[in-house]
Amino acid sequence: TSFDDFKRLCRIRIEAEQKELSEGFVKPTEPFEKGGGFAMYFFGIDKKRGRLFSGYLSMVKGELITIYLEGIGVAPAEHVETFKTLVRGLKRK
């Protein structure tokens, strides 16, 4: 799998997130190389639904893993800490 393939998957995911928003935004990082693979983070808010979400896509050796956390009525700082814990806990071989 090439970096261009990974970027295409990221673009598709962000477009899907944007389609679900009623009033808000989704903000991705640029895809980047990491540990022999590729990765991208994104986060967003859907104000109308009170939804806060964060995601991490990681592709190593052709395997795509997505970590996605969504909360409704959750404090942003608590959401960010939970998300960081999930991403840090991902061990790739």
N, C-alpha and C. Protein backbone atom coordinates (compact mmCIF):
# COMPACT_ATOMS: atom_id res chain seq x y z
N THR A 1 0.85 -1.18 0.00
CA THR A 1 0.00 0.00 0.00
C THR A 1 0.89 1.24 0.00
N SER A 2 0.58 2.16 -0.86
CA SER A 2 1.38 3.37 -0.99
C SER A 2 0.84 4.50 -0.11
N PHE A 3 1.65 5.51 0.05
CA PHE A 3 1.24 6.70 0.79
C PHE A 3 0.05 7.36 0.10
N ASP A 4 0.03 7.36 -1.23
CA ASP A 4 -1.10 7.92 -1.96
C ASP A 4 -2.38 7.13 -1.67
N ASP A 5 -2.28 5.80 -1.56
CA ASP A 5 -3.44 4.98 -1.21
C ASP A 5 -3.97 5.37 0.18
N PHE A 6 -3.05 5.53 1.12
CA PHE A 6 -3.43 5.91 2.47
C PHE A 6 -4.10 7.29 2.47
N LYS A 7 -3.54 8.24 1.76
CA LYS A 7 -4.14 9.58 1.69
C LYS A 7 -5.55 9.51 1.11
N ARG A 8 -5.76 8.64 0.15
CA ARG A 8 -7.09 8.49 -0.45
C ARG A 8 -8.07 7.95 0.61
N LEU A 9 -7.66 6.96 1.40
CA LEU A 9 -8.50 6.44 2.47
C LEU A 9 -8.83 7.52 3.49
N CYS A 10 -7.85 8.34 3.83
CA CYS A 10 -8.07 9.44 4.76
C CYS A 10 -9.08 10.43 4.22
N ARG A 11 -8.94 10.78 2.95
CA ARG A 11 -9.85 11.73 2.32
C ARG A 11 -11.29 11.18 2.35
N ILE A 12 -11.45 9.90 2.05
CA ILE A 12 -12.78 9.27 2.06
C ILE A 12 -13.38 9.33 3.46
N ARG A 13 -12.56 9.05 4.48
CA ARG A 13 -13.05 9.08 5.87
C ARG A 13 -13.49 10.49 6.26
N ILE A 14 -12.69 11.50 5.92
CA ILE A 14 -13.03 12.87 6.28
C ILE A 14 -14.29 13.32 5.54
N GLU A 15 -14.42 12.96 4.29
CA GLU A 15 -15.63 13.30 3.53
C GLU A 15 -16.87 12.66 4.17
N ALA A 16 -16.75 11.42 4.64
CA ALA A 16 -17.86 10.74 5.30
C ALA A 16 -18.23 11.45 6.60
N GLU A 17 -17.23 11.86 7.36
CA GLU A 17 -17.50 12.61 8.60
C GLU A 17 -18.21 13.92 8.30
N GLN A 18 -17.76 14.63 7.27
CA GLN A 18 -18.37 15.92 6.92
C GLN A 18 -19.83 15.76 6.51
N LYS A 19 -20.16 14.67 5.83
CA LYS A 19 -21.54 14.44 5.40
C LYS A 19 -22.49 14.26 6.58
N GLU A 20 -21.97 13.76 7.71
CA GLU A 20 -22.80 13.50 8.88
C GLU A 20 -23.01 14.72 9.77
N LEU A 21 -22.25 15.78 9.54
CA LEU A 21 -22.35 16.97 10.39
C LEU A 21 -23.63 17.73 10.09
N SER A 22 -24.33 18.14 11.14
CA SER A 22 -25.49 19.00 10.94
C SER A 22 -25.10 20.46 11.13
N GLU A 23 -24.19 20.72 12.07
CA GLU A 23 -23.70 22.07 12.29
C GLU A 23 -22.38 21.95 13.04
N GLY A 24 -21.27 22.06 12.35
CA GLY A 24 -19.97 21.91 13.00
C GLY A 24 -18.85 21.79 12.00
N PHE A 25 -17.80 21.11 12.42
CA PHE A 25 -16.63 20.98 11.56
C PHE A 25 -15.87 19.70 11.88
N VAL A 26 -15.04 19.29 10.94
CA VAL A 26 -14.07 18.22 11.14
C VAL A 26 -12.74 18.75 10.63
N LYS A 27 -11.70 18.57 11.44
CA LYS A 27 -10.38 19.09 11.09
C LYS A 27 -9.37 17.95 11.12
N PRO A 28 -8.83 17.58 9.95
CA PRO A 28 -7.80 16.54 9.91
C PRO A 28 -6.40 17.15 9.90
N THR A 29 -5.42 16.36 10.36
CA THR A 29 -4.03 16.73 10.12
C THR A 29 -3.69 16.24 8.72
N GLU A 30 -2.57 16.66 8.21
CA GLU A 30 -2.09 16.08 6.96
C GLU A 30 -1.61 14.66 7.27
N PRO A 31 -1.89 13.69 6.41
CA PRO A 31 -1.33 12.36 6.61
C PRO A 31 0.20 12.43 6.67
N PHE A 32 0.80 11.56 7.49
CA PHE A 32 2.25 11.60 7.67
C PHE A 32 2.80 10.18 7.81
N GLU A 33 4.10 10.05 7.59
CA GLU A 33 4.76 8.77 7.76
C GLU A 33 5.14 8.58 9.21
N LYS A 34 4.95 7.34 9.70
CA LYS A 34 5.23 7.07 11.10
C LYS A 34 5.57 5.60 11.28
N GLY A 35 6.73 5.30 11.85
CA GLY A 35 7.09 3.94 12.23
C GLY A 35 6.97 2.91 11.12
N GLY A 36 7.43 3.23 9.94
CA GLY A 36 7.33 2.28 8.84
C GLY A 36 5.95 2.22 8.20
N GLY A 37 5.08 3.14 8.58
CA GLY A 37 3.73 3.19 8.02
C GLY A 37 3.27 4.62 7.87
N PHE A 38 1.96 4.80 7.96
CA PHE A 38 1.36 6.11 7.77
C PHE A 38 0.32 6.35 8.85
N ALA A 39 0.03 7.64 9.11
CA ALA A 39 -0.96 7.97 10.13
C ALA A 39 -1.61 9.31 9.83
N MET A 40 -2.76 9.53 10.46
CA MET A 40 -3.46 10.81 10.39
C MET A 40 -4.39 10.92 11.59
N TYR A 41 -4.49 12.12 12.15
CA TYR A 41 -5.44 12.41 13.21
C TYR A 41 -6.54 13.32 12.66
N PHE A 42 -7.72 13.26 13.28
CA PHE A 42 -8.76 14.24 12.98
C PHE A 42 -9.62 14.43 14.23
N PHE A 43 -10.27 15.58 14.29
CA PHE A 43 -11.19 15.84 15.37
C PHE A 43 -12.30 16.74 14.85
N GLY A 44 -13.39 16.78 15.58
CA GLY A 44 -14.48 17.63 15.15
C GLY A 44 -15.54 17.81 16.21
N ILE A 45 -16.45 18.72 15.89
CA ILE A 45 -17.57 19.04 16.76
C ILE A 45 -18.82 19.16 15.90
N ASP A 46 -19.89 18.59 16.38
CA ASP A 46 -21.20 18.76 15.78
C ASP A 46 -22.04 19.50 16.83
N LYS A 47 -22.09 20.80 16.71
CA LYS A 47 -22.73 21.65 17.73
C LYS A 47 -24.21 21.34 17.91
N LYS A 48 -24.90 21.13 16.82
CA LYS A 48 -26.35 20.91 16.90
C LYS A 48 -26.68 19.65 17.71
N ARG A 49 -25.86 18.62 17.56
CA ARG A 49 -26.10 17.36 18.27
C ARG A 49 -25.31 17.26 19.58
N GLY A 50 -24.45 18.25 19.87
CA GLY A 50 -23.65 18.21 21.09
C GLY A 50 -22.59 17.12 21.06
N ARG A 51 -22.11 16.81 19.87
CA ARG A 51 -21.19 15.68 19.65
C ARG A 51 -19.77 16.18 19.46
N LEU A 52 -18.84 15.54 20.14
CA LEU A 52 -17.41 15.80 20.05
C LEU A 52 -16.76 14.48 19.63
N PHE A 53 -15.88 14.51 18.64
CA PHE A 53 -15.28 13.26 18.18
C PHE A 53 -13.82 13.46 17.78
N SER A 54 -13.07 12.38 17.89
CA SER A 54 -11.65 12.35 17.51
C SER A 54 -11.36 11.02 16.86
N GLY A 55 -10.42 11.03 15.91
CA GLY A 55 -10.06 9.80 15.23
C GLY A 55 -8.58 9.75 14.90
N TYR A 56 -8.08 8.52 14.76
CA TYR A 56 -6.69 8.27 14.40
C TYR A 56 -6.69 7.11 13.43
N LEU A 57 -6.12 7.32 12.26
CA LEU A 57 -5.97 6.25 11.27
C LEU A 57 -4.49 5.91 11.18
N SER A 58 -4.20 4.62 11.20
CA SER A 58 -2.82 4.14 11.13
C SER A 58 -2.77 2.96 10.17
N MET A 59 -1.82 3.02 9.23
CA MET A 59 -1.66 1.91 8.30
C MET A 59 -0.21 1.45 8.33
N VAL A 60 -0.03 0.18 8.67
CA VAL A 60 1.29 -0.45 8.68
C VAL A 60 1.14 -1.80 7.99
N LYS A 61 2.01 -2.06 7.04
CA LYS A 61 2.02 -3.35 6.31
C LYS A 61 0.65 -3.69 5.73
N GLY A 62 -0.02 -2.68 5.19
CA GLY A 62 -1.30 -2.92 4.52
C GLY A 62 -2.49 -3.11 5.45
N GLU A 63 -2.28 -2.95 6.76
CA GLU A 63 -3.38 -3.10 7.72
C GLU A 63 -3.78 -1.72 8.24
N LEU A 64 -5.05 -1.38 8.06
CA LEU A 64 -5.57 -0.09 8.50
C LEU A 64 -6.28 -0.26 9.84
N ILE A 65 -5.87 0.54 10.82
CA ILE A 65 -6.54 0.57 12.12
C ILE A 65 -7.09 1.97 12.31
N THR A 66 -8.34 2.03 12.78
CA THR A 66 -8.96 3.30 13.09
C THR A 66 -9.35 3.29 14.56
N ILE A 67 -8.90 4.31 15.29
CA ILE A 67 -9.36 4.54 16.65
C ILE A 67 -10.29 5.73 16.57
N TYR A 68 -11.51 5.56 17.07
CA TYR A 68 -12.52 6.62 16.98
C TYR A 68 -13.20 6.74 18.33
N LEU A 69 -13.26 7.95 18.83
CA LEU A 69 -13.91 8.22 20.10
C LEU A 69 -14.94 9.33 19.90
N GLU A 70 -16.15 9.09 20.37
CA GLU A 70 -17.21 10.07 20.24
C GLU A 70 -17.88 10.24 21.59
N GLY A 71 -18.18 11.48 21.92
CA GLY A 71 -18.87 11.75 23.17
C GLY A 71 -19.96 12.78 22.96
N ILE A 72 -21.01 12.67 23.76
CA ILE A 72 -22.09 13.64 23.74
C ILE A 72 -22.19 14.21 25.15
N GLY A 73 -22.04 15.52 25.24
CA GLY A 73 -22.11 16.17 26.54
C GLY A 73 -20.89 15.93 27.42
N VAL A 74 -19.78 15.54 26.81
CA VAL A 74 -18.55 15.28 27.54
C VAL A 74 -17.67 16.52 27.52
N ALA A 75 -16.98 16.78 28.62
CA ALA A 75 -16.06 17.91 28.67
C ALA A 75 -14.93 17.69 27.67
N PRO A 76 -14.60 18.70 26.85
CA PRO A 76 -13.54 18.54 25.85
C PRO A 76 -12.21 18.05 26.43
N ALA A 77 -11.79 18.57 27.57
CA ALA A 77 -10.51 18.14 28.16
C ALA A 77 -10.54 16.66 28.52
N GLU A 78 -11.65 16.19 29.04
CA GLU A 78 -11.79 14.77 29.39
C GLU A 78 -11.75 13.91 28.12
N HIS A 79 -12.43 14.36 27.09
CA HIS A 79 -12.45 13.65 25.81
C HIS A 79 -11.03 13.51 25.25
N VAL A 80 -10.29 14.61 25.24
CA VAL A 80 -8.92 14.61 24.69
C VAL A 80 -8.03 13.66 25.47
N GLU A 81 -8.13 13.65 26.79
CA GLU A 81 -7.29 12.75 27.60
C GLU A 81 -7.62 11.29 27.34
N THR A 82 -8.90 10.97 27.22
CA THR A 82 -9.30 9.59 26.91
C THR A 82 -8.77 9.18 25.54
N PHE A 83 -8.90 10.07 24.57
CA PHE A 83 -8.42 9.77 23.22
C PHE A 83 -6.91 9.55 23.21
N LYS A 84 -6.16 10.41 23.88
CA LYS A 84 -4.70 10.24 23.96
C LYS A 84 -4.34 8.89 24.56
N THR A 85 -5.05 8.49 25.60
CA THR A 85 -4.78 7.20 26.25
C THR A 85 -5.01 6.05 25.27
N LEU A 86 -6.09 6.12 24.50
CA LEU A 86 -6.37 5.07 23.52
C LEU A 86 -5.27 4.98 22.45
N VAL A 87 -4.86 6.12 21.93
CA VAL A 87 -3.85 6.12 20.87
C VAL A 87 -2.50 5.64 21.42
N ARG A 88 -2.12 6.10 22.61
CA ARG A 88 -0.87 5.66 23.22
C ARG A 88 -0.86 4.15 23.45
N GLY A 89 -2.02 3.59 23.70
CA GLY A 89 -2.13 2.16 23.99
C GLY A 89 -2.03 1.27 22.75
N LEU A 90 -2.05 1.87 21.57
CA LEU A 90 -1.96 1.09 20.34
C LEU A 90 -0.53 0.63 20.12
N LYS A 91 -0.33 -0.66 20.12
CA LYS A 91 1.00 -1.23 19.88
C LYS A 91 0.99 -1.94 18.54
N ARG A 92 1.83 -1.49 17.63
CA ARG A 92 1.93 -2.10 16.31
C ARG A 92 3.20 -2.90 16.20
N LYS A 93 3.13 -4.06 15.57
CA LYS A 93 4.32 -4.89 15.36
C LYS A 93 4.66 -4.95 13.90
